[in-house]
Protein backbone atom coordinates (compact mmCIF):
# COMPACT_ATOMS: atom_id res chain seq x y z
CA MET A 1 -5.75 3.61 -2.89
CA SER A 2 -5.58 6.27 -0.21
CA LYS A 3 -8.83 7.92 0.82
CA THR A 4 -7.08 11.21 1.50
CA THR A 5 -5.23 13.41 -0.91
CA ASN A 6 -1.49 13.76 -0.48
CA LYS A 7 -0.71 17.35 0.36
CA PHE A 8 3.04 16.84 0.02
CA SER A 9 4.88 15.70 -3.08
CA PRO A 10 7.25 12.74 -2.89
CA GLU A 11 10.17 15.16 -3.29
CA VAL A 12 9.07 17.19 -0.25
CA ARG A 13 8.60 14.01 1.77
CA ALA A 14 12.05 12.71 0.83
CA ARG A 15 13.67 16.06 1.65
CA ALA A 16 11.88 16.24 5.03
CA VAL A 17 13.04 12.73 5.91
CA ARG A 18 16.58 13.60 4.87
CA MET A 19 16.45 16.74 7.03
CA VAL A 20 15.31 14.72 10.05
CA LEU A 21 18.09 12.16 9.61
CA ASP A 22 20.76 14.78 8.86
CA HIS A 23 19.89 17.03 11.81
CA GLU A 24 19.07 14.33 14.34
CA GLY A 25 22.35 15.02 16.15
CA ASP A 26 21.49 18.71 16.54
CA HIS A 27 18.52 17.86 18.77
CA SER A 28 18.06 16.04 22.05
CA SER A 29 16.10 13.20 20.41
CA ARG A 30 14.77 12.02 17.08
CA TRP A 31 11.31 13.22 18.07
CA ALA A 32 12.67 16.74 18.71
CA SER A 33 14.23 16.68 15.25
CA ILE A 34 10.93 15.52 13.73
CA VAL A 35 8.96 18.24 15.50
CA SER A 36 11.43 20.89 14.32
CA VAL A 37 11.33 19.79 10.67
CA ALA A 38 7.54 19.27 10.73
CA GLU A 39 7.04 22.86 11.83
CA LYS A 40 9.23 24.07 8.97
CA ILE A 41 7.37 22.17 6.25
CA GLY A 42 3.91 22.59 7.77
CA CYS A 43 2.91 19.05 8.59
CA VAL A 44 1.95 17.18 11.73
CA PRO A 45 4.95 15.58 13.51
CA GLN A 46 3.25 12.17 13.56
CA THR A 47 2.97 12.26 9.76
CA LEU A 48 6.66 13.03 9.37
CA PHE A 49 7.45 10.28 11.89
CA GLU A 50 5.56 7.80 9.67
CA TRP A 51 7.50 9.00 6.61
CA VAL A 52 10.79 8.48 8.46
CA LYS A 53 9.75 4.98 9.56
CA LYS A 54 8.70 4.06 6.01
CA ALA A 55 12.00 5.39 4.61
CA GLU A 56 13.91 3.26 7.12
CA VAL A 57 11.89 0.17 6.20
CA ASN A 58 12.47 0.80 2.48
CA SER A 59 16.21 1.22 3.03
CA GLY A 60 16.44 -1.93 5.19
CA LYS A 61 17.35 -0.13 8.42
CA ARG A 62 14.07 -1.14 10.07
CA ALA A 63 12.07 -4.35 9.86
CA GLY A 64 8.82 -4.26 7.94
CA VAL A 65 7.20 -4.56 4.54
CA THR A 66 8.74 -2.29 1.92
CA THR A 67 6.60 -0.08 -0.29
CA ASP A 68 7.48 -2.16 -3.37
CA MET A 69 6.51 -5.40 -1.62
CA ALA A 70 3.25 -3.89 -0.34
CA ASP A 71 2.39 -2.73 -3.89
CA LYS A 72 3.17 -6.18 -5.30
CA MET A 73 1.05 -7.87 -2.62
CA LYS A 74 -1.84 -5.50 -3.30
CA ALA A 75 -1.65 -6.24 -7.04
CA LEU A 76 -1.51 -10.00 -6.41
CA GLU A 77 -4.48 -9.82 -4.02
CA ARG A 78 -6.45 -7.90 -6.66
CA GLU A 79 -5.52 -10.46 -9.33
CA ASN A 80 -6.43 -13.32 -6.98
CA ARG A 81 -9.84 -11.73 -6.29
CA GLU A 82 -10.49 -11.28 -10.02
CA LEU A 83 -9.50 -14.89 -10.76
CA ARG A 84 -11.78 -16.17 -8.00
CA GLN A 85 -14.66 -14.17 -9.48
CA ALA A 86 -13.91 -15.51 -12.97
CA ASN A 87 -13.80 -19.07 -11.61
CA GLU A 88 -17.15 -18.55 -9.88
CA ILE A 89 -18.71 -17.27 -13.11
CA LEU A 90 -17.31 -20.23 -15.06
CA ARG A 91 -18.52 -22.69 -12.42
CA LYS A 92 -22.05 -21.26 -12.54
CA ALA A 93 -22.06 -21.21 -16.36
CA SER A 94 -20.87 -24.81 -16.46
CA ALA A 95 -23.61 -25.88 -14.04
CA TYR A 96 -26.23 -23.98 -16.06
CA PHE A 97 -25.22 -25.60 -19.36
CA ALA A 98 -24.96 -29.03 -17.77
CA GLN A 99 -28.48 -28.65 -16.40
CA ALA A 100 -29.74 -27.42 -19.80
CA GLU A 101 -28.21 -30.51 -21.42
CA LEU A 102 -29.99 -32.76 -18.90
CA ASP A 103 -33.32 -30.98 -19.45
CA ARG A 104 -33.13 -31.44 -23.23
CA PRO A 105 -35.34 -34.23 -24.54
CA PHE A 106 -33.54 -37.35 -25.65
CA LYS A 107 -33.52 -37.88 -29.44
CA ARG A 108 -32.63 -41.06 -31.27
């Protein structure tokens, strides 16, 4: 989970990215387009640049891990961590009960 709050809604982000891609030809470079749009929506150009990169990754135009894949990996890592903790608890409980069984006096 992000440590910062998201100032911009997903709709605003998507529109800003679309504006950058649509008006890229009107500027001397992609960065110039990003700076222009960033000023209009009130964000830092680097932030908008990251949104554009992520949109390109998600659409397959750029190499990288998509948002869906990153979310799935995060969920699997969380599940893996929880399963490891459960296994550790079960291992310790098993050892405890095995030791208790050994410590019990033998009855005939």
